[in-house]
PDB file of all heavy atoms in Angstrom:
ATOM      1  N   GLY A   1      25.631 140.621 130.384  1.00  0.00           N
ATOM      2  CA  GLY A   1      25.329 140.831 131.777  1.00  0.00           C
ATOM      3  C   GLY A   1      26.335 140.184 132.774  1.00  0.00           C
ATOM      4  O   GLY A   1      26.101 140.145 133.963  1.00  0.00           O
ATOM      5  N   LEU A   2      27.305 139.606 132.258  1.00  0.00           N
ATOM      6  CA  LEU A   2      28.483 139.047 132.991  1.00  0.00           C
ATOM      7  C   LEU A   2      29.186 140.013 133.796  1.00  0.00           C
ATOM      8  O   LEU A   2      29.780 139.719 134.794  1.00  0.00           O
ATOM      9  CB  LEU A   2      29.434 138.272 132.129  1.00  0.00           C
ATOM     10  CG  LEU A   2      28.828 136.972 131.519  1.00  0.00           C
ATOM     11  CD1 LEU A   2      29.960 136.379 130.513  1.00  0.00           C
ATOM     12  CD2 LEU A   2      28.562 136.022 132.569  1.00  0.00           C
ATOM     13  N   ARG A   3      29.136 141.342 133.330  1.00  0.00           N
ATOM     14  CA  ARG A   3      29.852 142.412 134.016  1.00  0.00           C
ATOM     15  C   ARG A   3      29.559 142.546 135.507  1.00  0.00           C
ATOM     16  O   ARG A   3      30.404 142.471 136.468  1.00  0.00           O
ATOM     17  CB  ARG A   3      29.614 143.722 133.373  1.00  0.00           C
ATOM     18  CG  ARG A   3      30.192 145.001 134.204  1.00  0.00           C
ATOM     19  CD  ARG A   3      29.742 146.199 133.544  1.00  0.00           C
ATOM     20  NE  ARG A   3      28.259 146.273 133.413  1.00  0.00           N
ATOM     21  CZ  ARG A   3      27.531 146.678 134.504  1.00  0.00           C
ATOM     22  NH1 ARG A   3      28.056 147.060 135.593  1.00  0.00           N
ATOM     23  NH2 ARG A   3      26.245 146.821 134.294  1.00  0.00           N
ATOM     24  N   LYS A   4      28.085 142.492 135.669  1.00  0.00           N
ATOM     25  CA  LYS A   4      27.661 142.561 137.224  1.00  0.00           C
ATOM     26  C   LYS A   4      28.212 141.451 137.975  1.00  0.00           C
ATOM     27  O   LYS A   4      28.544 141.562 139.259  1.00  0.00           O
ATOM     28  CB  LYS A   4      26.222 142.592 137.285  1.00  0.00           C
ATOM     29  CG  LYS A   4      25.568 142.870 138.635  1.00  0.00           C
ATOM     30  CD  LYS A   4      24.120 143.132 138.474  1.00  0.00           C
ATOM     31  CE  LYS A   4      23.467 143.465 139.930  1.00  0.00           C
ATOM     32  NZ  LYS A   4      23.878 142.528 140.982  1.00  0.00           N
ATOM     33  N   LEU A   5      28.116 140.156 137.370  1.00  0.00           N
ATOM     34  CA  LEU A   5      28.541 138.972 138.072  1.00  0.00           C
ATOM     35  C   LEU A   5      29.965 139.031 138.474  1.00  0.00           C
ATOM     36  O   LEU A   5      30.434 138.663 139.732  1.00  0.00           O
ATOM     37  CB  LEU A   5      28.372 137.759 137.184  1.00  0.00           C
ATOM     38  CG  LEU A   5      28.889 136.442 137.838  1.00  0.00           C
ATOM     39  CD1 LEU A   5      27.928 136.104 139.060  1.00  0.00           C
ATOM     40  CD2 LEU A   5      28.656 135.217 136.789  1.00  0.00           C
ATOM     41  N   ILE A   6      30.923 139.574 137.521  1.00  0.00           N
ATOM     42  CA  ILE A   6      32.311 139.672 137.840  1.00  0.00           C
ATOM     43  C   ILE A   6      32.571 140.649 138.877  1.00  0.00           C
ATOM     44  O   ILE A   6      33.364 140.518 139.884  1.00  0.00           O
ATOM     45  CB  ILE A   6      33.047 140.023 136.667  1.00  0.00           C
ATOM     46  CG1 ILE A   6      32.909 138.827 135.673  1.00  0.00           C
ATOM     47  CG2 ILE A   6      34.483 140.225 136.818  1.00  0.00           C
ATOM     48  CD1 ILE A   6      33.534 138.972 134.138  1.00  0.00           C
ATOM     49  N   ILE A   7      31.929 141.957 138.735  1.00  0.00           N
ATOM     50  CA  ILE A   7      32.191 143.026 139.591  1.00  0.00           C
ATOM     51  C   ILE A   7      31.772 142.468 141.068  1.00  0.00           C
ATOM     52  O   ILE A   7      32.495 142.807 141.938  1.00  0.00           O
ATOM     53  CB  ILE A   7      31.391 144.282 139.186  1.00  0.00           C
ATOM     54  CG1 ILE A   7      32.121 144.859 137.944  1.00  0.00           C
ATOM     55  CG2 ILE A   7      31.354 145.283 140.292  1.00  0.00           C
ATOM     56  CD1 ILE A   7      33.449 145.534 138.150  1.00  0.00           C
ATOM     57  N   ASP A   8      30.561 141.989 141.169  1.00  0.00           N
ATOM     58  CA  ASP A   8      30.030 141.644 142.442  1.00  0.00           C
ATOM     59  C   ASP A   8      31.022 140.552 143.102  1.00  0.00           C
ATOM     60  O   ASP A   8      31.006 140.398 144.410  1.00  0.00           O
ATOM     61  CB  ASP A   8      28.693 141.099 142.383  1.00  0.00           C
ATOM     62  CG  ASP A   8      27.639 142.149 142.018  1.00  0.00           C
ATOM     63  OD1 ASP A   8      28.030 143.408 142.182  1.00  0.00           O
ATOM     64  OD2 ASP A   8      26.465 141.840 141.545  1.00  0.00           O
ATOM     65  N   GLY A   9      31.629 139.736 142.342  1.00  0.00           N
ATOM     66  CA  GLY A   9      32.532 138.705 142.775  1.00  0.00           C
ATOM     67  C   GLY A   9      33.847 139.036 143.339  1.00  0.00           C
ATOM     68  O   GLY A   9      34.471 138.353 144.090  1.00  0.00           O
ATOM     69  N   ILE A  10      34.369 140.248 142.869  1.00  0.00           N
ATOM     70  CA  ILE A  10      35.780 140.595 143.258  1.00  0.00           C
ATOM     71  C   ILE A  10      35.628 141.270 144.620  1.00  0.00           C
ATOM     72  O   ILE A  10      34.795 142.229 144.812  1.00  0.00           O
ATOM     73  CB  ILE A  10      36.301 141.585 142.322  1.00  0.00           C
ATOM     74  CG1 ILE A  10      36.367 141.027 140.822  1.00  0.00           C
ATOM     75  CG2 ILE A  10      37.701 142.066 142.646  1.00  0.00           C
ATOM     76  CD1 ILE A  10      37.170 139.762 140.735  1.00  0.00           C
ATOM     77  N   PRO A  11      36.379 140.817 145.687  1.00  0.00           N
ATOM     78  CA  PRO A  11      36.146 141.370 147.025  1.00  0.00           C
ATOM     79  C   PRO A  11      36.538 142.847 146.991  1.00  0.00           C
ATOM     80  O   PRO A  11      37.437 143.394 146.276  1.00  0.00           O
ATOM     81  CB  PRO A  11      37.242 140.546 147.820  1.00  0.00           C
ATOM     82  CG  PRO A  11      38.141 139.922 146.717  1.00  0.00           C
ATOM     83  CD  PRO A  11      37.329 139.713 145.665  1.00  0.00           C
ATOM     84  N   HIS A  12      35.981 143.503 147.953  1.00  0.00           N
ATOM     85  CA  HIS A  12      36.182 144.999 148.052  1.00  0.00           C
ATOM     86  C   HIS A  12      37.623 145.297 148.414  1.00  0.00           C
ATOM     87  O   HIS A  12      38.228 146.257 147.857  1.00  0.00           O
ATOM     88  CB  HIS A  12      35.327 145.649 149.182  1.00  0.00           C
ATOM     89  CG  HIS A  12      35.506 147.023 149.394  1.00  0.00           C
ATOM     90  ND1 HIS A  12      35.078 148.019 148.610  1.00  0.00           N
ATOM     91  CD2 HIS A  12      36.143 147.653 150.550  1.00  0.00           C
ATOM     92  CE1 HIS A  12      35.483 149.182 149.113  1.00  0.00           C
ATOM     93  NE2 HIS A  12      36.089 149.017 150.185  1.00  0.00           N
ATOM     94  N   SER A  13      38.235 144.366 149.122  1.00  0.00           N
ATOM     95  CA  SER A  13      39.612 144.672 149.545  1.00  0.00           C
ATOM     96  C   SER A  13      40.567 144.615 148.401  1.00  0.00           C
ATOM     97  O   SER A  13      41.511 145.485 148.327  1.00  0.00           O
ATOM     98  CB  SER A  13      40.058 143.552 150.605  1.00  0.00           C
ATOM     99  OG  SER A  13      39.926 142.260 150.050  1.00  0.00           O
ATOM    100  N   LEU A  14      40.423 143.833 147.397  1.00  0.00           N
ATOM    101  CA  LEU A  14      41.223 143.726 146.181  1.00  0.00           C
ATOM    102  C   LEU A  14      40.879 144.896 145.231  1.00  0.00           C
ATOM    103  O   LEU A  14      41.897 145.375 144.711  1.00  0.00           O
ATOM    104  CB  LEU A  14      41.055 142.367 145.449  1.00  0.00           C
ATOM    105  CG  LEU A  14      41.515 141.099 146.111  1.00  0.00           C
ATOM    106  CD1 LEU A  14      41.336 139.877 145.222  1.00  0.00           C
ATOM    107  CD2 LEU A  14      43.100 141.287 146.505  1.00  0.00           C
ATOM    108  N   ARG A  15      39.718 145.311 145.136  1.00  0.00           N
ATOM    109  CA  ARG A  15      39.350 146.349 144.359  1.00  0.00           C
ATOM    110  C   ARG A  15      40.054 147.739 144.859  1.00  0.00           C
ATOM    111  O   ARG A  15      40.407 148.537 144.153  1.00  0.00           O
ATOM    112  CB  ARG A  15      37.800 146.706 144.242  1.00  0.00           C
ATOM    113  CG  ARG A  15      37.163 145.782 143.308  1.00  0.00           C
ATOM    114  CD  ARG A  15      35.733 145.979 143.168  1.00  0.00           C
ATOM    115  NE  ARG A  15      34.981 145.348 144.205  1.00  0.00           N
ATOM    116  CZ  ARG A  15      33.662 145.576 144.490  1.00  0.00           C
ATOM    117  NH1 ARG A  15      32.890 146.328 143.775  1.00  0.00           N
ATOM    118  NH2 ARG A  15      33.097 144.877 145.449  1.00  0.00           N
ATOM    119  N   THR A  16      40.023 147.835 146.209  1.00  0.00           N
ATOM    120  CA  THR A  16      40.625 149.050 146.847  1.00  0.00           C
ATOM    121  C   THR A  16      42.133 148.830 146.672  1.00  0.00           C
ATOM    122  O   THR A  16      42.813 149.905 146.304  1.00  0.00           O
ATOM    123  CB  THR A  16      40.296 148.908 148.300  1.00  0.00           C
ATOM    124  OG1 THR A  16      38.990 149.168 148.493  1.00  0.00           O
ATOM    125  CG2 THR A  16      41.061 150.057 148.980  1.00  0.00           C
ATOM    126  N   ALA A  17      42.741 147.756 146.741  1.00  0.00           N
ATOM    127  CA  ALA A  17      44.122 147.508 146.540  1.00  0.00           C
ATOM    128  C   ALA A  17      44.626 147.802 145.177  1.00  0.00           C
ATOM    129  O   ALA A  17      45.618 148.338 145.032  1.00  0.00           O
ATOM    130  CB  ALA A  17      44.469 146.099 146.909  1.00  0.00           C
ATOM    131  N   ILE A  18      43.802 147.524 144.230  1.00  0.00           N
ATOM    132  CA  ILE A  18      44.141 147.925 142.785  1.00  0.00           C
ATOM    133  C   ILE A  18      44.295 149.404 142.642  1.00  0.00           C
ATOM    134  O   ILE A  18      45.261 149.922 142.080  1.00  0.00           O
ATOM    135  CB  ILE A  18      43.083 147.377 141.867  1.00  0.00           C
ATOM    136  CG1 ILE A  18      43.078 145.844 141.893  1.00  0.00           C
ATOM    137  CG2 ILE A  18      43.311 147.933 140.439  1.00  0.00           C
ATOM    138  CD1 ILE A  18      41.969 145.104 141.165  1.00  0.00           C
ATOM    139  N   THR A  19      43.413 150.180 143.310  1.00  0.00           N
ATOM    140  CA  THR A  19      43.414 151.647 143.146  1.00  0.00           C
ATOM    141  C   THR A  19      44.654 152.101 143.891  1.00  0.00           C
ATOM    142  O   THR A  19      45.536 152.917 143.320  1.00  0.00           O
ATOM    143  CB  THR A  19      42.216 152.328 144.017  1.00  0.00           C
ATOM    144  OG1 THR A  19      41.053 151.780 143.380  1.00  0.00           O
ATOM    145  CG2 THR A  19      42.333 153.741 143.978  1.00  0.00           C
ATOM    146  N   VAL A  20      45.081 151.615 145.051  1.00  0.00           N
ATOM    147  CA  VAL A  20      46.148 151.965 145.797  1.00  0.00           C
ATOM    148  C   VAL A  20      47.481 151.738 145.165  1.00  0.00           C
ATOM    149  O   VAL A  20      48.379 152.503 144.924  1.00  0.00           O
ATOM    150  CB  VAL A  20      46.196 151.439 147.295  1.00  0.00           C
ATOM    151  CG1 VAL A  20      47.431 151.867 147.957  1.00  0.00           C
ATOM    152  CG2 VAL A  20      44.958 151.930 148.080  1.00  0.00           C
ATOM    153  N   GLY A  21      47.498 150.447 144.541  1.00  0.00           N
ATOM    154  CA  GLY A  21      48.790 149.961 143.876  1.00  0.00           C
ATOM    155  C   GLY A  21      49.055 150.602 142.565  1.00  0.00           C
ATOM    156  O   GLY A  21      50.292 151.054 142.457  1.00  0.00           O
ATOM    157  N   ILE A  22      47.985 151.074 141.885  1.00  0.00           N
ATOM    158  CA  ILE A  22      48.325 151.919 140.638  1.00  0.00           C
ATOM    159  C   ILE A  22      48.665 153.354 141.086  1.00  0.00           C
ATOM    160  O   ILE A  22      49.551 153.989 140.408  1.00  0.00           O
ATOM    161  CB  ILE A  22      46.962 151.851 139.712  1.00  0.00           C
ATOM    162  CG1 ILE A  22      46.712 150.561 139.124  1.00  0.00           C
ATOM    163  CG2 ILE A  22      46.997 152.922 138.734  1.00  0.00           C
ATOM    164  CD1 ILE A  22      45.564 150.461 138.311  1.00  0.00           C
ATOM    165  N   GLY A  23      48.184 153.868 142.186  1.00  0.00           N
ATOM    166  CA  GLY A  23      48.654 155.067 142.679  1.00  0.00           C
ATOM    167  C   GLY A  23      50.268 155.104 142.965  1.00  0.00           C
ATOM    168  O   GLY A  23      50.872 156.015 142.590  1.00  0.00           O
ATOM    169  N   MET A  24      50.523 154.076 143.680  1.00  0.00           N
ATOM    170  CA  MET A  24      52.017 153.922 144.032  1.00  0.00           C
ATOM    171  C   MET A  24      52.811 153.723 142.714  1.00  0.00           C
ATOM    172  O   MET A  24      53.964 154.244 142.728  1.00  0.00           O
ATOM    173  CB  MET A  24      52.148 152.767 144.995  1.00  0.00           C
ATOM    174  CG  MET A  24      51.525 152.868 146.324  1.00  0.00           C
ATOM    175  SD  MET A  24      51.516 151.400 147.336  1.00  0.00           S
ATOM    176  CE  MET A  24      53.233 151.299 147.686  1.00  0.00           C
ATOM    177  N   PHE A  25      52.224 152.984 141.866  1.00  0.00           N
ATOM    178  CA  PHE A  25      52.965 152.787 140.507  1.00  0.00           C
ATOM    179  C   PHE A  25      53.098 154.219 139.803  1.00  0.00           C
ATOM    180  O   PHE A  25      54.226 154.467 139.240  1.00  0.00           O
ATOM    181  CB  PHE A  25      52.277 151.854 139.651  1.00  0.00           C
ATOM    182  CG  PHE A  25      52.887 151.463 138.405  1.00  0.00           C
ATOM    183  CD1 PHE A  25      53.993 150.608 138.306  1.00  0.00           C
ATOM    184  CD2 PHE A  25      52.399 152.002 137.146  1.00  0.00           C
ATOM    185  CE1 PHE A  25      54.537 150.347 137.088  1.00  0.00           C
ATOM    186  CE2 PHE A  25      52.996 151.646 135.935  1.00  0.00           C
ATOM    187  CZ  PHE A  25      54.128 150.867 135.881  1.00  0.00           C
ATOM    188  N   LEU A  26      52.012 154.870 139.728  1.00  0.00           N
ATOM    189  CA  LEU A  26      52.147 156.237 139.218  1.00  0.00           C
ATOM    190  C   LEU A  26      53.080 157.177 139.864  1.00  0.00           C
ATOM    191  O   LEU A  26      53.843 157.884 139.233  1.00  0.00           O
ATOM    192  CB  LEU A  26      50.588 156.910 139.027  1.00  0.00           C
ATOM    193  CG  LEU A  26      49.681 156.373 138.104  1.00  0.00           C
ATOM    194  CD1 LEU A  26      48.451 157.069 138.374  1.00  0.00           C
ATOM    195  CD2 LEU A  26      50.167 156.492 136.615  1.00  0.00           C
ATOM    196  N   ALA A  27      53.192 157.042 141.171  1.00  0.00           N
ATOM    197  CA  ALA A  27      54.106 157.875 141.978  1.00  0.00           C
ATOM    198  C   ALA A  27      55.442 157.602 141.642  1.00  0.00           C
ATOM    199  O   ALA A  27      56.291 158.474 141.417  1.00  0.00           O
ATOM    200  CB  ALA A  27      53.808 157.703 143.391  1.00  0.00           C
ATOM    201  N   LEU A  28      55.848 156.266 141.468  1.00  0.00           N
ATOM    202  CA  LEU A  28      57.245 155.873 141.107  1.00  0.00           C
ATOM    203  C   LEU A  28      57.511 156.380 139.781  1.00  0.00           C
ATOM    204  O   LEU A  28      58.647 156.881 139.565  1.00  0.00           O
ATOM    205  CB  LEU A  28      57.344 154.323 141.233  1.00  0.00           C
ATOM    206  CG  LEU A  28      58.653 153.761 140.921  1.00  0.00           C
ATOM    207  CD1 LEU A  28      59.699 154.346 141.910  1.00  0.00           C
ATOM    208  CD2 LEU A  28      58.766 152.247 141.064  1.00  0.00           C
ATOM    209  N   VAL A  29      56.638 156.184 138.828  1.00  0.00           N
ATOM    210  CA  VAL A  29      56.965 156.660 137.417  1.00  0.00           C
ATOM    211  C   VAL A  29      57.192 158.165 137.496  1.00  0.00           C
ATOM    212  O   VAL A  29      58.020 158.722 136.769  1.00  0.00           O
ATOM    213  CB  VAL A  29      55.643 156.393 136.518  1.00  0.00           C
ATOM    214  CG1 VAL A  29      55.836 156.966 135.228  1.00  0.00           C
ATOM    215  CG2 VAL A  29      55.652 154.928 136.301  1.00  0.00           C
ATOM    216  N   ALA A  30      56.424 158.951 138.194  1.00  0.00           N
ATOM    217  CA  ALA A  30      56.504 160.400 138.347  1.00  0.00           C
ATOM    218  C   ALA A  30      57.854 160.828 138.838  1.00  0.00           C
ATOM    219  O   ALA A  30      58.453 161.701 138.392  1.00  0.00           O
ATOM    220  CB  ALA A  30      55.374 160.966 139.102  1.00  0.00           C
ATOM    221  N   LEU A  31      58.278 160.155 139.825  1.00  0.00           N
ATOM    222  CA  LEU A  31      59.503 160.430 140.620  1.00  0.00           C
ATOM    223  C   LEU A  31      60.756 160.249 139.638  1.00  0.00           C
ATOM    224  O   LEU A  31      61.644 160.970 139.612  1.00  0.00           O
ATOM    225  CB  LEU A  31      59.667 159.681 141.847  1.00  0.00           C
ATOM    226  CG  LEU A  31      58.668 160.013 143.005  1.00  0.00           C
ATOM    227  CD1 LEU A  31      58.852 159.050 144.166  1.00  0.00           C
ATOM    228  CD2 LEU A  31      58.911 161.477 143.446  1.00  0.00           C
ATOM    229  N   LYS A  32      60.534 159.129 138.860  1.00  0.00           N
ATOM    230  CA  LYS A  32      61.573 158.798 137.889  1.00  0.00           C
ATOM    231  C   LYS A  32      61.557 159.897 136.819  1.00  0.00           C
ATOM    232  O   LYS A  32      62.777 160.232 136.365  1.00  0.00           O
ATOM    233  CB  LYS A  32      61.359 157.431 137.323  1.00  0.00           C
ATOM    234  CG  LYS A  32      62.316 156.922 136.269  1.00  0.00           C
ATOM    235  CD  LYS A  32      61.992 155.464 135.901  1.00  0.00           C
ATOM    236  CE  LYS A  32      63.077 155.022 134.766  1.00  0.00           C
ATOM    237  NZ  LYS A  32      62.850 155.821 133.475  1.00  0.00           N
ATOM    238  N   SER A  33      60.532 160.244 136.302  1.00  0.00           N
ATOM    239  CA  SER A  33      60.352 161.229 135.184  1.00  0.00           C
ATOM    240  C   SER A  33      60.961 162.579 135.661  1.00  0.00           C
ATOM    241  O   SER A  33      61.539 163.339 134.832  1.00  0.00           O
ATOM    242  CB  SER A  33      59.009 161.320 134.718  1.00  0.00           C
ATOM    243  OG  SER A  33      58.439 160.073 134.122  1.00  0.00           O
ATOM    244  N   ALA A  34      60.770 162.877 136.951  1.00  0.00           N
ATOM    245  CA  ALA A  34      61.194 164.263 137.388  1.00  0.00           C
ATOM    246  C   ALA A  34      62.665 164.180 137.763  1.00  0.00           C
ATOM    247  O   ALA A  34      63.285 165.271 137.924  1.00  0.00           O
ATOM    248  CB  ALA A  34      60.409 164.536 138.573  1.00  0.00           C
ATOM    249  N   GLY A  35      63.343 163.095 137.999  1.00  0.00           N
ATOM    250  CA  GLY A  35      64.642 162.877 138.217  1.00  0.00           C
ATOM    251  C   GLY A  35      64.821 162.891 139.734  1.00  0.00           C
ATOM    252  O   GLY A  35      66.011 162.855 140.251  1.00  0.00           O
ATOM    253  N   VAL A  36      63.728 162.782 140.476  1.00  0.00           N
ATOM    254  CA  VAL A  36      63.846 162.767 142.046  1.00  0.00           C
ATOM    255  C   VAL A  36      64.396 161.360 142.419  1.00  0.00           C
ATOM    256  O   VAL A  36      65.255 161.330 143.386  1.00  0.00           O
ATOM    257  CB  VAL A  36      62.545 162.914 142.594  1.00  0.00           C
ATOM    258  CG1 VAL A  36      62.554 162.833 144.137  1.00  0.00           C
ATOM    259  CG2 VAL A  36      61.940 164.346 142.222  1.00  0.00           C
ATOM    260  N   VAL A  37      64.235 160.284 141.780  1.00  0.00           N
ATOM    261  CA  VAL A  37      64.886 158.990 142.020  1.00  0.00           C
ATOM    262  C   VAL A  37      65.579 158.581 140.898  1.00  0.00           C
ATOM    263  O   VAL A  37      65.257 158.935 139.691  1.00  0.00           O
ATOM    264  CB  VAL A  37      63.718 157.938 142.421  1.00  0.00           C
ATOM    265  CG1 VAL A  37      62.952 158.321 143.709  1.00  0.00           C
ATOM    266  CG2 VAL A  37      62.776 157.673 141.261  1.00  0.00           C
ATOM    267  N   ALA A  38      66.625 157.870 141.042  1.00  0.00           N
ATOM    268  CA  ALA A  38      67.536 157.414 140.000  1.00  0.00           C
ATOM    269  C   ALA A  38      67.913 155.975 140.287  1.00  0.00           C
ATOM    270  O   ALA A  38      67.744 155.432 141.448  1.00  0.00           O
ATOM    271  CB  ALA A  38      68.757 158.269 139.782  1.00  0.00           C
ATOM    272  N   ALA A  39      68.472 155.263 139.148  1.00  0.00           N
ATOM    273  CA  ALA A  39      68.863 153.886 139.362  1.00  0.00           C
ATOM    274  C   ALA A  39      70.128 153.774 140.322  1.00  0.00           C
ATOM    275  O   ALA A  39      70.873 154.661 140.199  1.00  0.00           O
ATOM    276  CB  ALA A  39      69.045 153.239 138.079  1.00  0.00           C
ATOM    277  N   SER A  40      70.258 152.673 140.946  1.00  0.00           N
ATOM    278  CA  SER A  40      71.338 152.581 141.789  1.00  0.00           C
ATOM    279  C   SER A  40      71.686 150.963 141.833  1.00  0.00           C
ATOM    280  O   SER A  40      70.841 150.108 142.126  1.00  0.00           O
ATOM    281  CB  SER A  40      71.204 152.901 143.310  1.00  0.00           C
ATOM    282  OG  SER A  40      72.219 152.428 144.279  1.00  0.00           O
TER     283      SER A  40
END
């Protein structure tokens, strides 16, 4: 039953940021895989 305690304790702003951050991370991985961005 600790799951509910942990989930309720994490602020909504950080939970939202995790979603957005992973989305940006996936986007960077995708652009690299496609060759749209390259190292400099």
